Amino acid sequence: IGYDYIDGVFSYNEPAITEEQVKQWRDEELVSTDFIVQTPDYPNRDAWITYRQELRDWPATADFPETKPSKPE
């Protein structure tokens, strides 16, 4: 983890993110958007509900954990 020195060149290697860390991020993202589901007039609410479903389904996809679902605008 961290820096490597090979042939006189420093390079930085990003530490690997574990599936547990990714699932923790996903769970926090769901909690932070809970209020949207309970707010009928929230802007773009249907897109947020879809995003939340994508977060829940994400661990079962072939793209997990490399490609996160995209937040609505």
C-alpha atoms as a PDB file:
ATOM      1  CA  ILE A   1       0.000   0.000   0.000  1.00  0.00           C
ATOM      2  CA  GLY A   2       1.280   3.436  -0.763  1.00  0.00           C
ATOM      3  CA  TYR A   3       4.406   4.372  -2.630  1.00  0.00           C
ATOM      4  CA  ASP A   4       6.719   2.194  -4.723  1.00  0.00           C
ATOM      5  CA  TYR A   5      10.208   3.083  -5.852  1.00  0.00           C
ATOM      6  CA  ILE A   6      11.141   1.238  -9.026  1.00  0.00           C
ATOM      7  CA  ASP A   7      14.027   2.163 -11.311  1.00  0.00           C
ATOM      8  CA  GLY A   8      14.385   5.603  -9.746  1.00  0.00           C
ATOM      9  CA  VAL A   9      10.698   6.470 -10.106  1.00  0.00           C
ATOM     10  CA  PHE A  10       8.213   6.904  -7.294  1.00  0.00           C
ATOM     11  CA  SER A  11       4.680   5.766  -7.961  1.00  0.00           C
ATOM     12  CA  TYR A  12       1.619   5.732  -5.769  1.00  0.00           C
ATOM     13  CA  ASN A  13      -0.583   2.677  -5.592  1.00  0.00           C
ATOM     14  CA  GLU A  14      -4.125   3.363  -4.439  1.00  0.00           C
ATOM     15  CA  PRO A  15      -4.965   0.950  -1.622  1.00  0.00           C
ATOM     16  CA  ALA A  16      -7.475  -1.698  -2.626  1.00  0.00           C
ATOM     17  CA  ILE A  17     -11.008  -1.088  -1.415  1.00  0.00           C
ATOM     18  CA  THR A  18     -12.652  -4.122   0.097  1.00  0.00           C
ATOM     19  CA  GLU A  19     -16.171  -5.311  -0.667  1.00  0.00           C
ATOM     20  CA  GLU A  20     -17.009  -4.626   2.977  1.00  0.00           C
ATOM     21  CA  GLN A  21     -15.983  -0.968   2.587  1.00  0.00           C
ATOM     22  CA  VAL A  22     -18.035  -0.654  -0.601  1.00  0.00           C
ATOM     23  CA  LYS A  23     -21.093  -2.182   1.065  1.00  0.00           C
ATOM     24  CA  GLN A  24     -20.638   0.196   3.998  1.00  0.00           C
ATOM     25  CA  TRP A  25     -20.612   3.148   1.552  1.00  0.00           C
ATOM     26  CA  ARG A  26     -23.744   1.773  -0.111  1.00  0.00           C
ATOM     27  CA  ASP A  27     -25.521   1.387   3.218  1.00  0.00           C
ATOM     28  CA  GLU A  28     -24.597   4.948   4.202  1.00  0.00           C
ATOM     29  CA  GLU A  29     -25.866   6.197   0.837  1.00  0.00           C
ATOM     30  CA  LEU A  30     -29.194   4.449   1.414  1.00  0.00           C
ATOM     31  CA  VAL A  31     -29.525   5.937   4.900  1.00  0.00           C
ATOM     32  CA  SER A  32     -28.683   9.416   3.635  1.00  0.00           C
ATOM     33  CA  THR A  33     -31.475   9.197   1.044  1.00  0.00           C
ATOM     34  CA  ASP A  34     -34.164   7.603   3.235  1.00  0.00           C
ATOM     35  CA  PHE A  35     -35.994  10.908   3.628  1.00  0.00           C
ATOM     36  CA  ILE A  36     -36.524  11.170  -0.140  1.00  0.00           C
ATOM     37  CA  VAL A  37     -38.812   8.136  -0.177  1.00  0.00           C
ATOM     38  CA  GLN A  38     -40.952   9.742   2.517  1.00  0.00           C
ATOM     39  CA  THR A  39     -41.174  13.113   0.732  1.00  0.00           C
ATOM     40  CA  PRO A  40     -43.825  12.844  -2.007  1.00  0.00           C
ATOM     41  CA  ASP A  41     -42.934  16.163  -3.663  1.00  0.00           C
ATOM     42  CA  TYR A  42     -39.137  15.717  -3.580  1.00  0.00           C
ATOM     43  CA  PRO A  43     -37.642  16.830  -6.926  1.00  0.00           C
ATOM     44  CA  ASN A  44     -36.910  13.914  -9.260  1.00  0.00           C
ATOM     45  CA  ARG A  45     -38.148  11.504  -6.564  1.00  0.00           C
ATOM     46  CA  ASP A  46     -38.792   8.603  -8.958  1.00  0.00           C
ATOM     47  CA  ALA A  47     -35.187   8.721 -10.171  1.00  0.00           C
ATOM     48  CA  TRP A  48     -33.965   8.654  -6.561  1.00  0.00           C
ATOM     49  CA  ILE A  49     -36.151   5.660  -5.799  1.00  0.00           C
ATOM     50  CA  THR A  50     -34.684   3.890  -8.843  1.00  0.00           C
ATOM     51  CA  TYR A  51     -31.170   4.809  -7.676  1.00  0.00           C
ATOM     52  CA  ARG A  52     -31.872   3.344  -4.239  1.00  0.00           C
ATOM     53  CA  GLN A  53     -33.091   0.109  -5.834  1.00  0.00           C
ATOM     54  CA  GLU A  54     -29.939  -0.021  -7.959  1.00  0.00           C
ATOM     55  CA  LEU A  55     -27.867   0.372  -4.780  1.00  0.00           C
ATOM     56  CA  ARG A  56     -29.679  -2.554  -3.179  1.00  0.00           C
ATOM     57  CA  ASP A  57     -29.263  -4.731  -6.299  1.00  0.00           C
ATOM     58  CA  TRP A  58     -25.672  -3.681  -6.979  1.00  0.00           C
ATOM     59  CA  PRO A  59     -23.833  -6.389  -4.970  1.00  0.00           C
ATOM     60  CA  ALA A  60     -25.490  -9.080  -7.126  1.00  0.00           C
ATOM     61  CA  THR A  61     -24.339  -7.518 -10.416  1.00  0.00           C
ATOM     62  CA  ALA A  62     -21.276  -8.418 -12.466  1.00  0.00           C
ATOM     63  CA  ASP A  63     -20.076  -4.794 -12.096  1.00  0.00           C
ATOM     64  CA  PHE A  64     -19.786  -5.014  -8.301  1.00  0.00           C
ATOM     65  CA  PRO A  65     -17.792  -3.347  -6.808  1.00  0.00           C
ATOM     66  CA  GLU A  66     -16.099  -1.625  -9.759  1.00  0.00           C
ATOM     67  CA  THR A  67     -19.013   0.413 -11.107  1.00  0.00           C
ATOM     68  CA  LYS A  68     -21.221   2.301  -8.663  1.00  0.00           C
ATOM     69  CA  PRO A  69     -24.780   3.227  -9.575  1.00  0.00           C
ATOM     70  CA  SER A  70     -25.051   6.869 -10.645  1.00  0.00           C
ATOM     71  CA  LYS A  71     -26.860   9.425  -8.509  1.00  0.00           C
ATOM     72  CA  PRO A  72     -29.714  11.281 -10.156  1.00  0.00           C
ATOM     73  CA  GLU A  73     -29.260  14.968 -10.867  1.00  0.00           C
END
